Amino acid sequence: MEKTKFISCMGDSPTVRLLDFLITGRDFDYSLSDIARGSRIGWATLYRLWPRFVANKIVMPTRTIGKAKLFQLNSKSKVVQNLVKLYKIILRSDIKTQIPLRKAIVA
């Protein structure tokens, strides 16, 4: 599977893949199964990372369907808003002639 521009720029790690999936689908809610499959990370890795995402309010529970609890990126969080801003900057930039991200974020 081809890497997204965000993953190519930030590094192909489980956390970055998870963020990439959640930011791309930020208007939708997902079960943990969908999140693991969509971000291409294993269950053990998801269960290791997920408590940190919940504790830092990066994701929030939205509803329950049967036994499955669904989650969505927390668009009210300043951290998430800045991550989405960074994501958009990376998508608009040319990775080969990348603008300094620090400068772009402050602007």
N, C-alpha and C. Protein backbone atom coordinates (compact mmCIF):
# COMPACT_ATOMS: atom_id res chain seq x y z
N MET A 1 0.84 -1.18 0.00
CA MET A 1 0.00 0.00 0.00
C MET A 1 0.89 1.25 0.00
N GLU A 2 0.49 2.24 -0.79
CA GLU A 2 1.26 3.46 -0.91
C GLU A 2 1.11 4.33 0.35
N LYS A 3 2.23 4.94 0.76
CA LYS A 3 2.21 5.81 1.93
C LYS A 3 1.61 7.16 1.56
N THR A 4 0.89 7.74 2.50
CA THR A 4 0.36 9.08 2.28
C THR A 4 1.49 10.09 2.44
N LYS A 5 1.24 11.29 2.00
CA LYS A 5 2.24 12.35 2.12
C LYS A 5 2.56 12.64 3.59
N PHE A 6 1.53 12.56 4.43
CA PHE A 6 1.71 12.79 5.87
C PHE A 6 2.65 11.74 6.46
N ILE A 7 2.42 10.47 6.14
CA ILE A 7 3.27 9.40 6.66
C ILE A 7 4.67 9.51 6.11
N SER A 8 4.81 9.84 4.83
CA SER A 8 6.14 10.00 4.24
C SER A 8 6.93 11.09 4.93
N CYS A 9 6.25 12.16 5.29
CA CYS A 9 6.92 13.30 5.93
C CYS A 9 7.21 13.04 7.41
N MET A 10 6.25 12.49 8.13
CA MET A 10 6.36 12.34 9.58
C MET A 10 7.02 11.04 10.02
N GLY A 11 7.12 10.07 9.10
CA GLY A 11 7.71 8.79 9.45
C GLY A 11 6.64 7.73 9.58
N ASP A 12 6.98 6.53 9.13
CA ASP A 12 6.00 5.44 9.13
C ASP A 12 6.06 4.70 10.47
N SER A 13 5.33 5.22 11.43
CA SER A 13 5.25 4.59 12.75
C SER A 13 3.77 4.33 13.05
N PRO A 14 3.48 3.43 13.97
CA PRO A 14 2.08 3.17 14.30
C PRO A 14 1.31 4.42 14.75
N THR A 15 1.95 5.27 15.52
CA THR A 15 1.27 6.49 15.99
C THR A 15 0.93 7.40 14.82
N VAL A 16 1.87 7.56 13.90
CA VAL A 16 1.64 8.43 12.74
C VAL A 16 0.56 7.82 11.84
N ARG A 17 0.58 6.50 11.66
CA ARG A 17 -0.46 5.85 10.85
C ARG A 17 -1.84 6.02 11.49
N LEU A 18 -1.88 5.91 12.80
CA LEU A 18 -3.14 6.09 13.53
C LEU A 18 -3.65 7.52 13.37
N LEU A 19 -2.77 8.50 13.54
CA LEU A 19 -3.16 9.89 13.35
C LEU A 19 -3.60 10.16 11.91
N ASP A 20 -2.88 9.61 10.95
CA ASP A 20 -3.23 9.78 9.54
C ASP A 20 -4.65 9.28 9.27
N PHE A 21 -4.95 8.10 9.76
CA PHE A 21 -6.29 7.52 9.56
C PHE A 21 -7.36 8.38 10.23
N LEU A 22 -7.13 8.76 11.47
CA LEU A 22 -8.14 9.53 12.22
C LEU A 22 -8.34 10.93 11.64
N ILE A 23 -7.26 11.57 11.21
CA ILE A 23 -7.40 12.92 10.65
C ILE A 23 -8.09 12.85 9.29
N THR A 24 -7.73 11.88 8.48
CA THR A 24 -8.35 11.73 7.17
C THR A 24 -9.86 11.50 7.30
N GLY A 25 -10.25 10.70 8.27
CA GLY A 25 -11.67 10.39 8.47
C GLY A 25 -12.27 11.12 9.65
N ARG A 26 -11.83 12.33 9.90
CA ARG A 26 -12.22 13.04 11.12
C ARG A 26 -13.72 13.34 11.22
N ASP A 27 -14.45 13.25 10.13
CA ASP A 27 -15.88 13.51 10.19
C ASP A 27 -16.71 12.28 10.54
N PHE A 28 -16.04 11.14 10.70
CA PHE A 28 -16.73 9.88 10.95
C PHE A 28 -16.31 9.27 12.27
N ASP A 29 -17.13 8.37 12.79
CA ASP A 29 -16.73 7.62 13.97
C ASP A 29 -16.48 6.17 13.58
N TYR A 30 -15.61 5.52 14.33
CA TYR A 30 -15.14 4.18 13.98
C TYR A 30 -15.05 3.29 15.21
N SER A 31 -15.24 2.00 14.99
CA SER A 31 -14.98 1.03 16.05
C SER A 31 -13.46 0.80 16.11
N LEU A 32 -13.00 0.20 17.19
CA LEU A 32 -11.57 -0.09 17.31
C LEU A 32 -11.11 -1.04 16.21
N SER A 33 -11.97 -1.97 15.81
CA SER A 33 -11.64 -2.87 14.70
C SER A 33 -11.41 -2.09 13.41
N ASP A 34 -12.31 -1.16 13.13
CA ASP A 34 -12.16 -0.33 11.93
C ASP A 34 -10.90 0.52 11.99
N ILE A 35 -10.59 1.03 13.16
CA ILE A 35 -9.42 1.88 13.33
C ILE A 35 -8.14 1.07 13.12
N ALA A 36 -8.06 -0.11 13.70
CA ALA A 36 -6.88 -0.97 13.53
C ALA A 36 -6.70 -1.33 12.06
N ARG A 37 -7.77 -1.73 11.42
CA ARG A 37 -7.71 -2.13 10.00
C ARG A 37 -7.37 -0.94 9.11
N GLY A 38 -8.03 0.18 9.33
CA GLY A 38 -7.83 1.37 8.50
C GLY A 38 -6.46 1.99 8.63
N SER A 39 -5.90 1.92 9.82
CA SER A 39 -4.57 2.50 10.04
C SER A 39 -3.44 1.50 9.81
N ARG A 40 -3.84 0.25 9.53
CA ARG A 40 -2.87 -0.83 9.25
C ARG A 40 -1.92 -1.05 10.41
N ILE A 41 -2.48 -1.10 11.62
CA ILE A 41 -1.69 -1.47 12.79
C ILE A 41 -2.35 -2.66 13.47
N GLY A 42 -1.57 -3.43 14.18
CA GLY A 42 -2.09 -4.61 14.86
C GLY A 42 -2.86 -4.26 16.12
N TRP A 43 -3.65 -5.26 16.57
CA TRP A 43 -4.45 -5.08 17.78
C TRP A 43 -3.59 -4.73 18.99
N ALA A 44 -2.50 -5.48 19.19
CA ALA A 44 -1.65 -5.24 20.36
C ALA A 44 -1.11 -3.82 20.36
N THR A 45 -0.73 -3.35 19.19
CA THR A 45 -0.20 -1.98 19.07
C THR A 45 -1.30 -0.96 19.34
N LEU A 46 -2.48 -1.20 18.79
CA LEU A 46 -3.60 -0.28 19.03
C LEU A 46 -3.93 -0.21 20.51
N TYR A 47 -4.01 -1.35 21.17
CA TYR A 47 -4.34 -1.36 22.60
C TYR A 47 -3.25 -0.74 23.46
N ARG A 48 -2.02 -0.72 22.96
CA ARG A 48 -0.93 -0.06 23.67
C ARG A 48 -1.03 1.46 23.50
N LEU A 49 -1.41 1.92 22.31
CA LEU A 49 -1.47 3.35 22.01
C LEU A 49 -2.78 4.01 22.43
N TRP A 50 -3.88 3.27 22.34
CA TRP A 50 -5.21 3.85 22.51
C TRP A 50 -5.44 4.56 23.84
N PRO A 51 -5.01 3.99 24.97
CA PRO A 51 -5.25 4.70 26.25
C PRO A 51 -4.64 6.11 26.27
N ARG A 52 -3.51 6.28 25.62
CA ARG A 52 -2.88 7.61 25.56
C ARG A 52 -3.72 8.57 24.72
N PHE A 53 -4.29 8.09 23.63
CA PHE A 53 -5.14 8.92 22.78
C PHE A 53 -6.40 9.35 23.53
N VAL A 54 -6.97 8.43 24.31
CA VAL A 54 -8.17 8.74 25.10
C VAL A 54 -7.83 9.69 26.24
N ALA A 55 -6.76 9.39 26.98
CA ALA A 55 -6.36 10.22 28.14
C ALA A 55 -6.03 11.65 27.73
N ASN A 56 -5.44 11.82 26.56
CA ASN A 56 -5.08 13.15 26.07
C ASN A 56 -6.21 13.81 25.28
N LYS A 57 -7.37 13.17 25.29
CA LYS A 57 -8.57 13.69 24.63
C LYS A 57 -8.37 13.96 23.13
N ILE A 58 -7.53 13.13 22.50
CA ILE A 58 -7.34 13.21 21.05
C ILE A 58 -8.54 12.57 20.37
N VAL A 59 -9.10 11.55 21.00
CA VAL A 59 -10.32 10.90 20.50
C VAL A 59 -11.37 10.96 21.60
N MET A 60 -12.62 10.81 21.18
CA MET A 60 -13.71 10.79 22.15
C MET A 60 -14.71 9.72 21.73
N PRO A 61 -15.33 9.06 22.71
CA PRO A 61 -16.36 8.09 22.35
C PRO A 61 -17.58 8.83 21.82
N THR A 62 -18.23 8.24 20.82
CA THR A 62 -19.40 8.89 20.23
C THR A 62 -20.69 8.13 20.50
N ARG A 63 -20.64 6.80 20.35
CA ARG A 63 -21.84 6.00 20.55
C ARG A 63 -21.44 4.54 20.67
N THR A 64 -22.42 3.71 21.01
CA THR A 64 -22.21 2.27 21.12
C THR A 64 -23.20 1.57 20.21
N ILE A 65 -22.69 0.63 19.42
CA ILE A 65 -23.54 -0.20 18.57
C ILE A 65 -23.30 -1.63 18.98
N GLY A 66 -24.29 -2.23 19.61
CA GLY A 66 -24.10 -3.58 20.16
C GLY A 66 -23.04 -3.53 21.24
N LYS A 67 -21.99 -4.31 21.08
CA LYS A 67 -20.89 -4.30 22.03
C LYS A 67 -19.74 -3.39 21.59
N ALA A 68 -19.85 -2.85 20.39
CA ALA A 68 -18.78 -2.02 19.85
C ALA A 68 -18.96 -0.56 20.25
N LYS A 69 -17.90 0.01 20.81
CA LYS A 69 -17.87 1.42 21.16
C LYS A 69 -17.20 2.16 20.00
N LEU A 70 -17.81 3.23 19.54
CA LEU A 70 -17.27 3.99 18.43
C LEU A 70 -16.60 5.27 18.92
N PHE A 71 -15.55 5.66 18.20
CA PHE A 71 -14.75 6.83 18.56
C PHE A 71 -14.57 7.73 17.35
N GLN A 72 -14.30 9.01 17.67
CA GLN A 72 -14.06 10.00 16.64
C GLN A 72 -12.95 10.93 17.11
N LEU A 73 -12.23 11.51 16.17
CA LEU A 73 -11.23 12.50 16.51
C LEU A 73 -11.92 13.67 17.21
N ASN A 74 -11.34 14.16 18.29
CA ASN A 74 -11.95 15.22 19.09
C ASN A 74 -11.62 16.59 18.47
N SER A 75 -12.50 17.07 17.61
CA SER A 75 -12.25 18.32 16.88
C SER A 75 -12.27 19.56 17.78
N LYS A 76 -12.73 19.42 19.02
CA LYS A 76 -12.74 20.56 19.94
C LYS A 76 -11.40 20.76 20.65
N SER A 77 -10.54 19.76 20.60
CA SER A 77 -9.24 19.81 21.26
C SER A 77 -8.27 20.70 20.48
N LYS A 78 -7.59 21.60 21.19
CA LYS A 78 -6.58 22.46 20.56
C LYS A 78 -5.45 21.64 19.97
N VAL A 79 -5.08 20.56 20.65
CA VAL A 79 -4.02 19.68 20.13
C VAL A 79 -4.45 19.10 18.79
N VAL A 80 -5.67 18.61 18.72
CA VAL A 80 -6.18 18.03 17.48
C VAL A 80 -6.28 19.10 16.40
N GLN A 81 -6.74 20.27 16.75
CA GLN A 81 -6.83 21.36 15.76
C GLN A 81 -5.46 21.67 15.18
N ASN A 82 -4.44 21.66 16.02
CA ASN A 82 -3.09 21.93 15.53
C ASN A 82 -2.54 20.76 14.71
N LEU A 83 -2.90 19.54 15.07
CA LEU A 83 -2.50 18.38 14.27
C LEU A 83 -3.13 18.42 12.89
N VAL A 84 -4.39 18.80 12.82
CA VAL A 84 -5.08 18.92 11.53
C VAL A 84 -4.43 20.04 10.71
N LYS A 85 -4.08 21.12 11.36
CA LYS A 85 -3.41 22.24 10.68
C LYS A 85 -2.07 21.77 10.10
N LEU A 86 -1.30 21.03 10.89
CA LEU A 86 -0.03 20.48 10.42
C LEU A 86 -0.27 19.53 9.25
N TYR A 87 -1.27 18.69 9.36
CA TYR A 87 -1.62 17.74 8.31
C TYR A 87 -1.89 18.48 6.99
N LYS A 88 -2.67 19.54 7.06
CA LYS A 88 -2.99 20.33 5.87
C LYS A 88 -1.75 21.00 5.29
N ILE A 89 -0.88 21.50 6.15
CA ILE A 89 0.36 22.13 5.70
C ILE A 89 1.22 21.12 4.94
N ILE A 90 1.32 19.93 5.49
CA ILE A 90 2.12 18.88 4.85
C ILE A 90 1.51 18.50 3.51
N LEU A 91 0.20 18.36 3.44
CA LEU A 91 -0.45 18.00 2.18
C LEU A 91 -0.26 19.06 1.11
N ARG A 92 -0.21 20.33 1.51
CA ARG A 92 -0.04 21.41 0.54
C ARG A 92 1.41 21.63 0.15
N SER A 93 2.32 21.12 0.95
CA SER A 93 3.74 21.37 0.69
C SER A 93 4.31 20.34 -0.27
N ASP A 94 5.43 20.70 -0.85
CA ASP A 94 6.19 19.77 -1.68
C ASP A 94 7.26 19.20 -0.78
N ILE A 95 7.18 17.92 -0.47
CA ILE A 95 8.09 17.31 0.50
C ILE A 95 9.55 17.49 0.10
N LYS A 96 9.84 17.49 -1.19
CA LYS A 96 11.23 17.64 -1.65
C LYS A 96 11.78 19.02 -1.33
N THR A 97 10.94 20.03 -1.42
CA THR A 97 11.36 21.40 -1.11
C THR A 97 10.50 21.92 0.04
N GLN A 98 10.48 21.15 1.07
CA GLN A 98 9.60 21.39 2.20
C GLN A 98 9.89 22.72 2.88
N ILE A 99 8.83 23.48 3.14
CA ILE A 99 8.98 24.70 3.92
C ILE A 99 9.23 24.30 5.36
N PRO A 100 9.97 25.10 6.10
CA PRO A 100 10.16 24.75 7.52
C PRO A 100 8.81 24.69 8.22
N LEU A 101 8.47 23.50 8.73
CA LEU A 101 7.15 23.29 9.35
C LEU A 101 6.95 24.18 10.56
N ARG A 102 7.99 24.40 11.31
CA ARG A 102 7.88 25.23 12.51
C ARG A 102 7.42 26.64 12.14
N LYS A 103 8.02 27.21 11.11
CA LYS A 103 7.67 28.53 10.66
C LYS A 103 6.23 28.57 10.13
N ALA A 104 5.84 27.53 9.39
CA ALA A 104 4.50 27.48 8.82
C ALA A 104 3.43 27.35 9.88
N ILE A 105 3.72 26.64 10.95
CA ILE A 105 2.73 26.44 12.03
C ILE A 105 2.51 27.73 12.80
N VAL A 106 3.56 28.48 13.02
CA VAL A 106 3.48 29.72 13.79
C VAL A 106 2.72 30.78 13.00
N ALA A 107 2.85 30.77 11.69
CA ALA A 107 2.21 31.79 10.84
C ALA A 107 0.72 31.78 10.93
